Amino acid sequence: NSYDTLISVRMANVTTSTISVDVYLRRSSANYYLIKNAPIVSGGSLELIDGGSKIVLASGDQLYVQSDTASSLDTVVGAVDAIST
C-alpha cells in the first residue's frame, strides 16, 4: 500500500573510453526503459532525473543500470521510501 519515488540517478564513467548505458525498470516480466544506449564520455557523468522530476515505483518494481563495459560505471540513486497512497 505504498510507493517509492526515485528523485535522482547519477551515473559516472570511471574508464578512459566512452561507454553506453541503459537504465530501465522491470515491472513483472516487462522492461520499461528510462534511457537506452546513452553515451557517457570518459570521466563524464549523466544525471538521469533532473529539474524536480520524479519517478514513482510500484511495489515490486526493480531498477537496473547497465553499461556495455564491465567495471566502468558508478551509480548513485536517490529515493524516497514508502510514500503512502
N, C-alpha and C. Protein backbone atom coordinates (compact mmCIF):
# COMPACT_ATOMS: atom_id res chain seq x y z
N ASN A 1 0.81 -1.20 0.00
CA ASN A 1 0.00 0.00 0.00
C ASN A 1 0.85 1.26 0.00
N SER A 2 2.08 1.15 -0.47
CA SER A 2 2.93 2.33 -0.55
C SER A 2 3.76 2.27 -1.83
N TYR A 3 4.28 3.42 -2.20
CA TYR A 3 5.13 3.54 -3.38
C TYR A 3 6.46 4.14 -2.95
N ASP A 4 7.47 3.91 -3.76
CA ASP A 4 8.77 4.55 -3.59
C ASP A 4 8.94 5.52 -4.74
N THR A 5 9.78 6.54 -4.55
CA THR A 5 10.00 7.54 -5.59
C THR A 5 11.48 7.74 -5.83
N LEU A 6 11.89 7.65 -7.09
CA LEU A 6 13.26 7.98 -7.48
C LEU A 6 13.34 9.48 -7.68
N ILE A 7 14.30 10.11 -7.03
CA ILE A 7 14.47 11.55 -7.19
C ILE A 7 15.79 11.89 -7.87
N SER A 8 16.70 10.89 -7.98
CA SER A 8 17.98 11.15 -8.62
C SER A 8 18.60 9.83 -9.06
N VAL A 9 19.17 9.82 -10.26
CA VAL A 9 20.01 8.71 -10.72
C VAL A 9 21.21 9.35 -11.42
N ARG A 10 22.36 9.31 -10.77
CA ARG A 10 23.59 9.89 -11.31
C ARG A 10 24.54 8.76 -11.67
N MET A 11 25.03 8.77 -12.91
CA MET A 11 25.96 7.74 -13.39
C MET A 11 27.25 8.40 -13.82
N ALA A 12 28.39 7.81 -13.45
CA ALA A 12 29.70 8.36 -13.79
C ALA A 12 30.55 7.30 -14.48
N ASN A 13 31.14 7.67 -15.59
CA ASN A 13 32.06 6.80 -16.32
C ASN A 13 33.42 6.88 -15.66
N VAL A 14 33.92 5.75 -15.17
CA VAL A 14 35.19 5.72 -14.45
C VAL A 14 36.31 5.12 -15.30
N THR A 15 36.10 5.05 -16.61
CA THR A 15 37.11 4.49 -17.52
C THR A 15 37.72 5.59 -18.39
N THR A 16 38.62 5.18 -19.27
CA THR A 16 39.27 6.12 -20.18
C THR A 16 38.64 6.12 -21.57
N SER A 17 37.51 5.44 -21.73
CA SER A 17 36.81 5.38 -23.01
C SER A 17 35.34 5.73 -22.82
N THR A 18 34.68 6.11 -23.91
CA THR A 18 33.24 6.35 -23.86
C THR A 18 32.51 5.03 -23.66
N ILE A 19 31.47 5.05 -22.83
CA ILE A 19 30.65 3.87 -22.59
C ILE A 19 29.20 4.18 -22.99
N SER A 20 28.40 3.14 -23.08
CA SER A 20 26.98 3.28 -23.38
C SER A 20 26.20 2.62 -22.26
N VAL A 21 25.17 3.32 -21.76
CA VAL A 21 24.41 2.81 -20.61
C VAL A 21 22.92 2.72 -20.90
N ASP A 22 22.29 1.75 -20.25
CA ASP A 22 20.84 1.59 -20.25
C ASP A 22 20.36 1.69 -18.82
N VAL A 23 19.21 2.33 -18.62
CA VAL A 23 18.55 2.35 -17.32
C VAL A 23 17.10 1.97 -17.58
N TYR A 24 16.64 0.96 -16.85
CA TYR A 24 15.25 0.53 -17.05
C TYR A 24 14.64 0.01 -15.76
N LEU A 25 13.31 0.04 -15.75
CA LEU A 25 12.53 -0.54 -14.65
C LEU A 25 11.98 -1.87 -15.12
N ARG A 26 12.01 -2.84 -14.25
CA ARG A 26 11.36 -4.12 -14.54
C ARG A 26 10.13 -4.21 -13.65
N ARG A 27 8.99 -4.31 -14.30
CA ARG A 27 7.71 -4.48 -13.60
C ARG A 27 7.12 -5.78 -14.11
N SER A 28 6.94 -6.73 -13.18
CA SER A 28 6.56 -8.11 -13.54
C SER A 28 7.63 -8.63 -14.47
N SER A 29 7.31 -9.00 -15.68
CA SER A 29 8.34 -9.51 -16.60
C SER A 29 8.62 -8.52 -17.73
N ALA A 30 8.11 -7.30 -17.64
CA ALA A 30 8.30 -6.30 -18.70
C ALA A 30 9.36 -5.27 -18.28
N ASN A 31 10.18 -4.86 -19.26
CA ASN A 31 11.17 -3.81 -19.04
C ASN A 31 10.66 -2.50 -19.62
N TYR A 32 10.85 -1.41 -18.86
CA TYR A 32 10.46 -0.07 -19.29
C TYR A 32 11.71 0.81 -19.21
N TYR A 33 12.24 1.18 -20.37
CA TYR A 33 13.49 1.93 -20.42
C TYR A 33 13.27 3.40 -20.06
N LEU A 34 14.13 3.89 -19.17
CA LEU A 34 14.18 5.32 -18.87
C LEU A 34 15.15 6.00 -19.82
N ILE A 35 16.20 5.26 -20.22
CA ILE A 35 17.14 5.71 -21.24
C ILE A 35 17.82 4.47 -21.80
N LYS A 36 18.15 4.51 -23.09
CA LYS A 36 18.75 3.34 -23.74
C LYS A 36 19.92 3.79 -24.61
N ASN A 37 21.03 3.09 -24.47
CA ASN A 37 22.25 3.36 -25.26
C ASN A 37 22.74 4.80 -25.12
N ALA A 38 22.68 5.33 -23.91
CA ALA A 38 23.14 6.71 -23.67
C ALA A 38 24.66 6.72 -23.55
N PRO A 39 25.35 7.52 -24.36
CA PRO A 39 26.81 7.59 -24.25
C PRO A 39 27.23 8.47 -23.07
N ILE A 40 28.26 8.03 -22.37
CA ILE A 40 28.90 8.85 -21.34
C ILE A 40 30.40 8.85 -21.64
N VAL A 41 30.95 10.02 -21.87
CA VAL A 41 32.36 10.13 -22.23
C VAL A 41 33.25 9.82 -21.03
N SER A 42 34.50 9.53 -21.30
CA SER A 42 35.48 9.24 -20.26
C SER A 42 35.50 10.35 -19.21
N GLY A 43 35.33 9.97 -17.95
CA GLY A 43 35.34 10.94 -16.86
C GLY A 43 34.07 11.75 -16.74
N GLY A 44 33.10 11.52 -17.62
CA GLY A 44 31.86 12.28 -17.61
C GLY A 44 30.79 11.62 -16.76
N SER A 45 29.68 12.33 -16.61
CA SER A 45 28.56 11.79 -15.85
C SER A 45 27.25 12.15 -16.54
N LEU A 46 26.19 11.46 -16.14
CA LEU A 46 24.86 11.70 -16.66
C LEU A 46 23.89 11.69 -15.50
N GLU A 47 23.12 12.78 -15.37
CA GLU A 47 22.06 12.85 -14.36
C GLU A 47 20.77 12.51 -15.08
N LEU A 48 20.18 11.38 -14.72
CA LEU A 48 19.00 10.90 -15.44
C LEU A 48 17.73 11.65 -15.05
N ILE A 49 17.59 12.00 -13.79
CA ILE A 49 16.39 12.68 -13.31
C ILE A 49 16.83 14.06 -12.82
N ASP A 50 16.30 15.12 -13.44
CA ASP A 50 16.68 16.46 -13.01
C ASP A 50 15.50 17.40 -13.11
N GLY A 51 15.69 18.62 -12.71
CA GLY A 51 14.66 19.64 -12.82
C GLY A 51 13.43 19.38 -11.97
N GLY A 52 13.59 18.68 -10.85
CA GLY A 52 12.46 18.41 -9.97
C GLY A 52 11.60 17.24 -10.40
N SER A 53 12.00 16.55 -11.47
CA SER A 53 11.24 15.37 -11.91
C SER A 53 11.36 14.25 -10.89
N LYS A 54 10.39 13.34 -10.92
CA LYS A 54 10.39 12.18 -10.04
C LYS A 54 9.82 11.00 -10.80
N ILE A 55 10.21 9.80 -10.41
CA ILE A 55 9.65 8.58 -10.99
C ILE A 55 9.10 7.74 -9.86
N VAL A 56 7.81 7.47 -9.90
CA VAL A 56 7.15 6.69 -8.86
C VAL A 56 7.24 5.21 -9.20
N LEU A 57 7.70 4.42 -8.24
CA LEU A 57 7.84 2.98 -8.41
C LEU A 57 6.72 2.27 -7.68
N ALA A 58 6.11 1.30 -8.33
CA ALA A 58 5.10 0.47 -7.68
C ALA A 58 5.81 -0.62 -6.89
N SER A 59 5.11 -1.21 -5.95
CA SER A 59 5.66 -2.30 -5.16
C SER A 59 6.14 -3.41 -6.09
N GLY A 60 7.37 -3.86 -5.89
CA GLY A 60 7.93 -4.94 -6.70
C GLY A 60 8.72 -4.47 -7.91
N ASP A 61 8.66 -3.19 -8.27
CA ASP A 61 9.47 -2.68 -9.38
C ASP A 61 10.94 -2.79 -9.03
N GLN A 62 11.77 -3.05 -10.05
CA GLN A 62 13.21 -3.14 -9.86
C GLN A 62 13.89 -2.20 -10.84
N LEU A 63 14.91 -1.47 -10.37
CA LEU A 63 15.69 -0.56 -11.20
C LEU A 63 16.97 -1.25 -11.63
N TYR A 64 17.28 -1.18 -12.92
CA TYR A 64 18.51 -1.75 -13.46
C TYR A 64 19.30 -0.65 -14.16
N VAL A 65 20.61 -0.62 -13.91
CA VAL A 65 21.53 0.29 -14.58
C VAL A 65 22.64 -0.59 -15.14
N GLN A 66 22.86 -0.50 -16.47
CA GLN A 66 23.79 -1.43 -17.11
C GLN A 66 24.66 -0.69 -18.11
N SER A 67 25.95 -0.96 -18.05
CA SER A 67 26.92 -0.41 -19.00
C SER A 67 27.31 -1.49 -20.00
N ASP A 68 27.76 -1.06 -21.17
CA ASP A 68 28.25 -2.02 -22.16
C ASP A 68 29.68 -2.45 -21.89
N THR A 69 30.30 -1.90 -20.82
CA THR A 69 31.69 -2.21 -20.48
C THR A 69 31.77 -2.56 -19.00
N ALA A 70 32.36 -3.70 -18.70
CA ALA A 70 32.46 -4.16 -17.31
C ALA A 70 33.26 -3.18 -16.46
N SER A 71 32.88 -3.02 -15.22
CA SER A 71 33.58 -2.21 -14.21
C SER A 71 33.83 -0.78 -14.68
N SER A 72 32.87 -0.20 -15.40
CA SER A 72 33.08 1.12 -16.00
C SER A 72 32.17 2.21 -15.42
N LEU A 73 31.20 1.83 -14.59
CA LEU A 73 30.15 2.77 -14.23
C LEU A 73 29.91 2.78 -12.73
N ASP A 74 29.93 3.98 -12.13
CA ASP A 74 29.49 4.17 -10.76
C ASP A 74 28.12 4.85 -10.82
N THR A 75 27.21 4.38 -9.98
CA THR A 75 25.84 4.91 -9.99
C THR A 75 25.40 5.22 -8.56
N VAL A 76 24.79 6.40 -8.39
CA VAL A 76 24.22 6.78 -7.11
C VAL A 76 22.75 7.09 -7.35
N VAL A 77 21.89 6.47 -6.53
CA VAL A 77 20.45 6.64 -6.68
C VAL A 77 19.90 7.30 -5.42
N GLY A 78 19.10 8.34 -5.63
CA GLY A 78 18.39 8.98 -4.52
C GLY A 78 16.93 8.56 -4.59
N ALA A 79 16.38 8.12 -3.47
CA ALA A 79 14.99 7.64 -3.45
C ALA A 79 14.32 8.04 -2.14
N VAL A 80 13.01 8.18 -2.23
CA VAL A 80 12.19 8.38 -1.04
C VAL A 80 11.40 7.09 -0.85
N ASP A 81 11.46 6.52 0.33
CA ASP A 81 10.87 5.22 0.60
C ASP A 81 9.47 5.37 1.20
N ALA A 82 8.59 4.50 0.78
CA ALA A 82 7.27 4.31 1.39
C ALA A 82 6.41 5.57 1.41
N ILE A 83 6.03 6.03 0.24
CA ILE A 83 5.07 7.12 0.12
C ILE A 83 3.68 6.51 0.15
N SER A 84 2.85 6.93 1.06
CA SER A 84 1.50 6.37 1.21
C SER A 84 0.59 6.84 0.09
N THR A 85 -0.37 6.00 -0.25
CA THR A 85 -1.35 6.38 -1.29
C THR A 85 -2.63 6.83 -0.66
